[in-house]
N, C-alpha and C. Protein backbone atom coordinates (compact mmCIF):
# COMPACT_ATOMS: atom_id res chain seq x y z
N MET A 1 11.03 -19.46 0.83
CA MET A 1 10.30 -19.21 -0.40
C MET A 1 10.35 -17.72 -0.72
N GLN A 2 10.52 -17.40 -1.97
CA GLN A 2 10.58 -16.01 -2.40
C GLN A 2 9.36 -15.70 -3.28
N ASN A 3 8.93 -14.46 -3.24
CA ASN A 3 7.80 -14.04 -4.06
C ASN A 3 8.20 -12.90 -4.96
N LYS A 4 7.79 -12.97 -6.22
CA LYS A 4 8.01 -11.86 -7.13
C LYS A 4 6.78 -10.96 -7.03
N THR A 5 7.00 -9.72 -6.72
CA THR A 5 5.88 -8.80 -6.55
C THR A 5 6.09 -7.57 -7.43
N ASP A 6 5.02 -6.86 -7.68
CA ASP A 6 5.12 -5.56 -8.33
C ASP A 6 5.60 -4.62 -7.23
N SER A 7 6.80 -4.12 -7.37
CA SER A 7 7.40 -3.32 -6.31
C SER A 7 6.72 -1.97 -6.12
N THR A 8 5.86 -1.58 -7.03
CA THR A 8 5.21 -0.27 -6.93
C THR A 8 4.39 -0.13 -5.65
N VAL A 9 3.58 -1.12 -5.35
CA VAL A 9 2.70 -1.03 -4.18
C VAL A 9 3.49 -1.04 -2.89
N ILE A 10 4.47 -1.93 -2.79
CA ILE A 10 5.27 -2.00 -1.57
C ILE A 10 6.10 -0.73 -1.41
N ALA A 11 6.69 -0.24 -2.50
CA ALA A 11 7.47 1.01 -2.43
C ALA A 11 6.58 2.17 -2.00
N PHE A 12 5.35 2.20 -2.51
CA PHE A 12 4.42 3.25 -2.10
C PHE A 12 4.13 3.16 -0.60
N LEU A 13 3.82 1.97 -0.10
CA LEU A 13 3.50 1.82 1.32
C LEU A 13 4.69 2.22 2.19
N LEU A 14 5.90 1.81 1.79
CA LEU A 14 7.09 2.19 2.55
C LEU A 14 7.28 3.71 2.56
N ALA A 15 7.15 4.32 1.39
CA ALA A 15 7.32 5.77 1.28
C ALA A 15 6.23 6.51 2.04
N PHE A 16 5.01 6.02 1.95
CA PHE A 16 3.89 6.65 2.63
C PHE A 16 4.06 6.57 4.14
N GLN A 17 4.60 5.46 4.62
CA GLN A 17 4.82 5.31 6.05
C GLN A 17 5.87 6.31 6.53
N ASP A 18 6.84 6.64 5.68
CA ASP A 18 7.90 7.59 6.04
C ASP A 18 7.48 9.05 5.89
N LEU A 19 6.37 9.31 5.23
CA LEU A 19 5.94 10.68 4.94
C LEU A 19 5.74 11.48 6.23
N LYS A 20 6.35 12.64 6.28
CA LYS A 20 6.28 13.49 7.48
C LYS A 20 5.11 14.47 7.45
N THR A 21 4.55 14.71 6.27
CA THR A 21 3.44 15.65 6.13
C THR A 21 2.17 14.89 5.78
N SER A 22 1.06 15.56 5.95
CA SER A 22 -0.22 14.94 5.59
C SER A 22 -0.46 15.08 4.09
N LEU A 23 -1.25 14.17 3.57
CA LEU A 23 -1.65 14.27 2.18
C LEU A 23 -2.65 15.41 2.02
N SER A 24 -2.67 16.02 0.86
CA SER A 24 -3.67 17.04 0.57
C SER A 24 -5.02 16.37 0.38
N LYS A 25 -6.07 17.17 0.37
CA LYS A 25 -7.41 16.63 0.16
C LYS A 25 -7.49 15.90 -1.19
N GLN A 26 -6.88 16.49 -2.21
CA GLN A 26 -6.88 15.90 -3.54
C GLN A 26 -6.11 14.57 -3.55
N GLU A 27 -4.97 14.52 -2.85
CA GLU A 27 -4.18 13.29 -2.79
C GLU A 27 -4.95 12.19 -2.06
N LYS A 28 -5.62 12.56 -0.98
CA LYS A 28 -6.43 11.58 -0.25
C LYS A 28 -7.55 11.04 -1.13
N GLN A 29 -8.14 11.92 -1.93
CA GLN A 29 -9.21 11.49 -2.84
C GLN A 29 -8.67 10.51 -3.88
N LYS A 30 -7.49 10.80 -4.41
CA LYS A 30 -6.88 9.90 -5.39
C LYS A 30 -6.54 8.56 -4.75
N LEU A 31 -6.06 8.59 -3.51
CA LEU A 31 -5.74 7.36 -2.81
C LEU A 31 -7.01 6.54 -2.56
N LYS A 32 -8.10 7.21 -2.25
CA LYS A 32 -9.38 6.51 -2.07
C LYS A 32 -9.81 5.85 -3.39
N GLU A 33 -9.57 6.55 -4.50
CA GLU A 33 -9.91 5.99 -5.81
C GLU A 33 -9.05 4.76 -6.12
N VAL A 34 -7.76 4.83 -5.77
CA VAL A 34 -6.88 3.67 -5.96
C VAL A 34 -7.40 2.49 -5.14
N ALA A 35 -7.75 2.75 -3.87
CA ALA A 35 -8.27 1.69 -2.99
C ALA A 35 -9.56 1.11 -3.56
N LYS A 36 -10.43 1.99 -4.05
CA LYS A 36 -11.70 1.54 -4.62
C LYS A 36 -11.46 0.66 -5.85
N GLN A 37 -10.53 1.08 -6.70
CA GLN A 37 -10.23 0.31 -7.90
C GLN A 37 -9.62 -1.06 -7.56
N LEU A 38 -8.71 -1.08 -6.59
CA LEU A 38 -8.12 -2.35 -6.18
C LEU A 38 -9.18 -3.28 -5.58
N ASN A 39 -10.16 -2.69 -4.93
CA ASN A 39 -11.23 -3.46 -4.30
C ASN A 39 -12.20 -4.01 -5.33
N THR A 40 -12.62 -3.17 -6.24
CA THR A 40 -13.67 -3.56 -7.18
C THR A 40 -13.14 -4.14 -8.49
N GLN A 41 -11.96 -3.68 -8.91
CA GLN A 41 -11.40 -4.14 -10.19
C GLN A 41 -9.90 -4.39 -10.07
N PRO A 42 -9.50 -5.39 -9.29
CA PRO A 42 -8.06 -5.62 -9.09
C PRO A 42 -7.30 -5.94 -10.38
N LYS A 43 -7.98 -6.46 -11.39
CA LYS A 43 -7.31 -6.79 -12.65
C LYS A 43 -7.02 -5.55 -13.49
N ALA A 44 -7.55 -4.40 -13.09
CA ALA A 44 -7.31 -3.15 -13.82
C ALA A 44 -6.01 -2.48 -13.36
N TRP A 45 -5.23 -3.17 -12.52
CA TRP A 45 -4.01 -2.59 -11.96
C TRP A 45 -3.09 -2.07 -13.06
N GLU A 46 -2.69 -2.89 -13.99
CA GLU A 46 -1.73 -2.48 -15.01
C GLU A 46 -2.27 -1.41 -15.94
N ASN A 47 -3.54 -1.48 -16.30
CA ASN A 47 -4.10 -0.56 -17.28
C ASN A 47 -4.61 0.76 -16.71
N TYR A 48 -4.93 0.80 -15.43
CA TYR A 48 -5.54 2.01 -14.90
C TYR A 48 -5.04 2.39 -13.51
N THR A 49 -5.16 1.49 -12.57
CA THR A 49 -4.93 1.82 -11.16
C THR A 49 -3.49 2.20 -10.88
N LYS A 50 -2.55 1.49 -11.45
CA LYS A 50 -1.13 1.79 -11.24
C LYS A 50 -0.81 3.21 -11.68
N LYS A 51 -1.34 3.61 -12.83
CA LYS A 51 -1.11 4.96 -13.35
C LYS A 51 -1.68 6.00 -12.38
N LEU A 52 -2.85 5.75 -11.86
CA LEU A 52 -3.49 6.66 -10.90
C LEU A 52 -2.63 6.82 -9.65
N LEU A 53 -2.10 5.72 -9.13
CA LEU A 53 -1.24 5.77 -7.95
C LEU A 53 0.05 6.53 -8.26
N LEU A 54 0.66 6.25 -9.39
CA LEU A 54 1.90 6.93 -9.75
C LEU A 54 1.71 8.43 -9.95
N GLU A 55 0.56 8.84 -10.47
CA GLU A 55 0.25 10.27 -10.61
C GLU A 55 0.17 10.93 -9.24
N MET A 56 -0.48 10.25 -8.30
CA MET A 56 -0.60 10.80 -6.94
C MET A 56 0.77 10.93 -6.29
N ILE A 57 1.61 9.92 -6.46
CA ILE A 57 2.95 9.94 -5.89
C ILE A 57 3.78 11.07 -6.49
N ALA A 58 3.75 11.20 -7.82
CA ALA A 58 4.55 12.21 -8.52
C ALA A 58 4.16 13.64 -8.13
N ALA A 59 2.91 13.83 -7.74
CA ALA A 59 2.43 15.17 -7.38
C ALA A 59 2.94 15.62 -6.00
N ASN A 60 3.47 14.70 -5.22
CA ASN A 60 3.96 15.02 -3.88
C ASN A 60 5.47 14.76 -3.87
N SER A 61 6.28 15.83 -3.86
CA SER A 61 7.73 15.67 -4.02
C SER A 61 8.36 14.85 -2.90
N GLU A 62 7.92 15.04 -1.66
CA GLU A 62 8.47 14.27 -0.54
C GLU A 62 8.15 12.78 -0.69
N LEU A 63 6.91 12.49 -1.02
CA LEU A 63 6.48 11.11 -1.22
C LEU A 63 7.21 10.50 -2.42
N ASP A 64 7.33 11.26 -3.50
CA ASP A 64 7.98 10.77 -4.72
C ASP A 64 9.45 10.45 -4.47
N ARG A 65 10.14 11.30 -3.74
CA ARG A 65 11.56 11.08 -3.46
C ARG A 65 11.75 9.76 -2.68
N SER A 66 10.95 9.57 -1.66
CA SER A 66 11.03 8.35 -0.85
C SER A 66 10.59 7.14 -1.67
N PHE A 67 9.54 7.30 -2.47
CA PHE A 67 9.06 6.22 -3.33
C PHE A 67 10.15 5.76 -4.29
N GLN A 68 10.83 6.71 -4.93
CA GLN A 68 11.88 6.37 -5.89
C GLN A 68 13.01 5.60 -5.21
N TYR A 69 13.36 6.00 -3.99
CA TYR A 69 14.39 5.31 -3.23
C TYR A 69 14.01 3.84 -3.01
N TYR A 70 12.80 3.63 -2.47
CA TYR A 70 12.36 2.27 -2.18
C TYR A 70 12.13 1.45 -3.45
N LYS A 71 11.59 2.07 -4.46
CA LYS A 71 11.31 1.38 -5.73
C LYS A 71 12.62 0.86 -6.33
N THR A 72 13.65 1.70 -6.34
CA THR A 72 14.94 1.30 -6.87
C THR A 72 15.52 0.12 -6.10
N ARG A 73 15.45 0.21 -4.78
CA ARG A 73 15.98 -0.87 -3.95
C ARG A 73 15.21 -2.18 -4.17
N LEU A 74 13.89 -2.07 -4.25
CA LEU A 74 13.07 -3.26 -4.47
C LEU A 74 13.30 -3.84 -5.86
N ASP A 75 13.43 -3.00 -6.86
CA ASP A 75 13.68 -3.48 -8.22
C ASP A 75 15.03 -4.18 -8.33
N ASN A 76 15.98 -3.74 -7.54
CA ASN A 76 17.32 -4.36 -7.57
C ASN A 76 17.34 -5.75 -6.95
N ILE A 77 16.42 -6.04 -6.04
CA ILE A 77 16.42 -7.37 -5.43
C ILE A 77 15.47 -8.32 -6.14
N LYS A 78 14.51 -7.79 -6.87
CA LYS A 78 13.55 -8.57 -7.66
C LYS A 78 12.56 -9.39 -6.85
N GLN A 79 12.99 -9.97 -5.74
CA GLN A 79 12.09 -10.81 -4.96
C GLN A 79 12.26 -10.55 -3.48
N LEU A 80 11.17 -10.63 -2.77
CA LEU A 80 11.19 -10.51 -1.31
C LEU A 80 10.90 -11.87 -0.70
N PRO A 81 11.59 -12.22 0.36
CA PRO A 81 11.23 -13.47 1.05
C PRO A 81 9.79 -13.39 1.55
N SER A 82 9.08 -14.48 1.46
CA SER A 82 7.66 -14.48 1.82
C SER A 82 7.41 -14.13 3.28
N ASN A 83 8.39 -14.38 4.15
CA ASN A 83 8.19 -14.05 5.56
C ASN A 83 8.19 -12.54 5.82
N LEU A 84 8.56 -11.74 4.83
CA LEU A 84 8.53 -10.28 4.99
C LEU A 84 7.20 -9.68 4.56
N LEU A 85 6.42 -10.44 3.81
CA LEU A 85 5.16 -9.94 3.29
C LEU A 85 4.04 -10.18 4.30
N PRO A 86 2.97 -9.40 4.20
CA PRO A 86 1.90 -9.54 5.19
C PRO A 86 1.21 -10.90 5.09
N ASN A 87 0.87 -11.43 6.25
CA ASN A 87 0.08 -12.66 6.25
C ASN A 87 -1.37 -12.30 6.56
N GLU A 88 -2.21 -13.27 6.52
CA GLU A 88 -3.64 -13.02 6.71
C GLU A 88 -3.95 -12.40 8.07
N ALA A 89 -3.25 -12.85 9.12
CA ALA A 89 -3.49 -12.32 10.46
C ALA A 89 -3.16 -10.83 10.54
N GLU A 90 -2.02 -10.43 9.93
CA GLU A 90 -1.63 -9.02 9.93
C GLU A 90 -2.65 -8.17 9.16
N THR A 91 -3.09 -8.70 8.02
CA THR A 91 -4.06 -7.97 7.22
C THR A 91 -5.38 -7.82 7.95
N ASN A 92 -5.82 -8.89 8.62
CA ASN A 92 -7.08 -8.82 9.38
C ASN A 92 -6.98 -7.83 10.53
N LYS A 93 -5.80 -7.80 11.20
CA LYS A 93 -5.60 -6.84 12.30
C LYS A 93 -5.67 -5.41 11.77
N LEU A 94 -5.00 -5.16 10.67
CA LEU A 94 -5.02 -3.82 10.07
C LEU A 94 -6.42 -3.48 9.60
N ASN A 95 -7.12 -4.44 9.04
CA ASN A 95 -8.49 -4.23 8.59
C ASN A 95 -9.38 -3.82 9.76
N ALA A 96 -9.20 -4.46 10.90
CA ALA A 96 -9.98 -4.11 12.10
C ALA A 96 -9.66 -2.69 12.56
N LEU A 97 -8.38 -2.32 12.52
CA LEU A 97 -7.99 -0.95 12.89
C LEU A 97 -8.53 0.06 11.89
N GLY A 98 -8.42 -0.26 10.61
CA GLY A 98 -8.86 0.65 9.56
C GLY A 98 -10.35 0.87 9.55
N ARG A 99 -11.10 -0.13 9.93
CA ARG A 99 -12.56 0.00 9.90
C ARG A 99 -13.05 1.09 10.84
N THR A 100 -12.36 1.28 11.94
CA THR A 100 -12.80 2.30 12.88
C THR A 100 -12.60 3.70 12.31
N ALA A 101 -11.68 3.82 11.34
CA ALA A 101 -11.41 5.14 10.77
C ALA A 101 -11.97 5.30 9.37
N MET A 102 -12.61 4.28 8.85
CA MET A 102 -13.09 4.35 7.46
C MET A 102 -14.30 5.27 7.34
N THR A 103 -14.32 5.99 6.24
CA THR A 103 -15.44 6.87 6.01
C THR A 103 -16.53 6.19 5.19
N LYS A 104 -16.16 5.24 4.33
CA LYS A 104 -17.15 4.61 3.48
C LYS A 104 -17.29 3.12 3.75
N GLY A 105 -16.53 2.61 4.68
CA GLY A 105 -16.66 1.22 5.07
C GLY A 105 -16.28 0.22 4.00
N PHE A 106 -15.29 0.53 3.16
CA PHE A 106 -14.84 -0.43 2.16
C PHE A 106 -14.35 -1.69 2.84
N LYS A 107 -14.71 -2.80 2.30
CA LYS A 107 -14.21 -4.08 2.78
C LYS A 107 -13.73 -4.84 1.55
N PRO A 108 -12.52 -5.37 1.61
CA PRO A 108 -12.03 -6.11 0.43
C PRO A 108 -13.03 -7.17 0.01
N LYS A 109 -13.32 -7.23 -1.29
CA LYS A 109 -14.28 -8.20 -1.81
C LYS A 109 -13.65 -9.57 -1.98
N THR A 110 -12.32 -9.59 -2.16
CA THR A 110 -11.65 -10.87 -2.36
C THR A 110 -11.12 -11.36 -1.02
N GLU A 111 -11.09 -12.67 -0.88
CA GLU A 111 -10.51 -13.25 0.32
C GLU A 111 -9.01 -13.00 0.28
N ALA A 112 -8.45 -12.63 1.41
CA ALA A 112 -7.02 -12.40 1.50
C ALA A 112 -6.32 -13.74 1.54
N SER A 113 -5.71 -14.13 0.44
CA SER A 113 -5.06 -15.44 0.41
C SER A 113 -3.61 -15.31 -0.02
N GLY A 114 -3.35 -14.96 -1.26
CA GLY A 114 -1.98 -14.85 -1.75
C GLY A 114 -1.36 -13.53 -1.33
N TYR A 115 -0.03 -13.44 -1.48
CA TYR A 115 0.67 -12.23 -1.07
C TYR A 115 0.17 -11.01 -1.82
N GLU A 116 -0.15 -11.16 -3.10
CA GLU A 116 -0.63 -10.02 -3.89
C GLU A 116 -1.97 -9.53 -3.35
N SER A 117 -2.84 -10.46 -3.02
CA SER A 117 -4.14 -10.11 -2.46
C SER A 117 -3.97 -9.45 -1.09
N GLN A 118 -3.03 -9.96 -0.30
CA GLN A 118 -2.78 -9.38 1.02
C GLN A 118 -2.33 -7.92 0.88
N ILE A 119 -1.39 -7.68 -0.02
CA ILE A 119 -0.88 -6.32 -0.21
C ILE A 119 -1.97 -5.41 -0.74
N ASN A 120 -2.76 -5.89 -1.69
CA ASN A 120 -3.89 -5.10 -2.19
C ASN A 120 -4.84 -4.75 -1.06
N ASN A 121 -5.13 -5.72 -0.20
CA ASN A 121 -6.03 -5.47 0.93
C ASN A 121 -5.46 -4.42 1.87
N VAL A 122 -4.15 -4.41 2.05
CA VAL A 122 -3.52 -3.39 2.89
C VAL A 122 -3.75 -2.01 2.28
N VAL A 123 -3.54 -1.89 0.97
CA VAL A 123 -3.75 -0.60 0.29
C VAL A 123 -5.23 -0.19 0.36
N ILE A 124 -6.12 -1.15 0.23
CA ILE A 124 -7.56 -0.85 0.32
C ILE A 124 -7.91 -0.29 1.69
N VAL A 125 -7.40 -0.91 2.74
CA VAL A 125 -7.69 -0.45 4.10
C VAL A 125 -7.08 0.93 4.33
N VAL A 126 -5.82 1.10 3.95
CA VAL A 126 -5.14 2.39 4.15
C VAL A 126 -5.83 3.48 3.34
N GLY A 127 -6.05 3.23 2.07
CA GLY A 127 -6.65 4.24 1.19
C GLY A 127 -8.07 4.60 1.53
N SER A 128 -8.79 3.67 2.15
CA SER A 128 -10.19 3.91 2.48
C SER A 128 -10.37 4.55 3.86
N SER A 129 -9.32 4.61 4.63
CA SER A 129 -9.46 5.14 5.98
C SER A 129 -9.54 6.66 5.96
N GLU A 130 -10.14 7.19 6.99
CA GLU A 130 -10.29 8.65 7.13
C GLU A 130 -8.93 9.31 7.34
N ALA A 131 -8.04 8.62 8.03
CA ALA A 131 -6.70 9.14 8.31
C ALA A 131 -5.66 8.14 7.79
N PRO A 132 -5.44 8.11 6.47
CA PRO A 132 -4.52 7.11 5.92
C PRO A 132 -3.09 7.23 6.46
N GLU A 133 -2.66 8.45 6.79
CA GLU A 133 -1.32 8.66 7.33
C GLU A 133 -1.14 7.93 8.66
N GLU A 134 -2.20 7.87 9.46
CA GLU A 134 -2.14 7.17 10.75
C GLU A 134 -2.28 5.67 10.54
N THR A 135 -3.15 5.27 9.65
CA THR A 135 -3.38 3.84 9.40
C THR A 135 -2.12 3.16 8.88
N VAL A 136 -1.40 3.82 7.97
CA VAL A 136 -0.20 3.21 7.39
C VAL A 136 0.88 3.01 8.45
N LYS A 137 0.87 3.81 9.49
CA LYS A 137 1.87 3.66 10.57
C LYS A 137 1.66 2.36 11.35
N ASN A 138 0.47 1.76 11.26
CA ASN A 138 0.16 0.52 11.98
C ASN A 138 0.55 -0.74 11.21
N ILE A 139 1.18 -0.60 10.07
CA ILE A 139 1.53 -1.77 9.25
C ILE A 139 2.88 -2.30 9.72
N SER A 140 2.86 -3.40 10.41
CA SER A 140 4.08 -3.94 11.03
C SER A 140 5.04 -4.59 10.03
N PHE A 141 4.54 -5.22 8.98
CA PHE A 141 5.44 -5.92 8.06
C PHE A 141 6.37 -4.97 7.31
N LEU A 142 6.01 -3.68 7.21
CA LEU A 142 6.85 -2.72 6.49
C LEU A 142 8.20 -2.52 7.18
N GLU A 143 8.22 -2.60 8.50
CA GLU A 143 9.49 -2.45 9.23
C GLU A 143 10.45 -3.58 8.87
N LYS A 144 9.92 -4.79 8.73
CA LYS A 144 10.75 -5.94 8.34
C LYS A 144 11.30 -5.74 6.93
N VAL A 145 10.48 -5.20 6.05
CA VAL A 145 10.93 -4.96 4.67
C VAL A 145 12.03 -3.88 4.66
N LYS A 146 11.84 -2.81 5.44
CA LYS A 146 12.85 -1.76 5.52
C LYS A 146 14.18 -2.31 6.00
N GLU A 147 14.15 -3.14 7.03
CA GLU A 147 15.39 -3.76 7.54
C GLU A 147 16.05 -4.62 6.47
N PHE A 148 15.27 -5.36 5.73
CA PHE A 148 15.79 -6.22 4.67
C PHE A 148 16.46 -5.39 3.58
N LEU A 149 15.91 -4.23 3.27
CA LEU A 149 16.43 -3.40 2.20
C LEU A 149 17.71 -2.65 2.58
N GLN A 150 18.00 -2.57 3.85
CA GLN A 150 19.18 -1.82 4.30
C GLN A 150 20.47 -2.53 4.02
């Protein structure tokens, strides 16, 4: 089974995992805002949250370069096999890891069911953590996606 996804979020997670430097305080704040918006208003993705995430990415040249690489590759394939996307168990494991580092204790309000919800929950956990650069390194499904894109 294949899933059509908005490649922006997955490209961001892939690029963020590859990032060699830490995010600035302002970038971390913007990422927290993205996580908060995905948590409280997931339907605002197209009208507000996506723009906020893209602004944060564009402000960091290293992140933007990697993001553009992954975004292009993802856009060229259009669909990812469902076995490459996070399942509920992976999201729950990451959520447990992220909770120990969270500063505000965000917990996804929606049940993690569909692939889109799973990916949103991953961004919520990463963006809400005190050390998002470390949290994103614990996302195992991204390695499978990277291999698929090669």
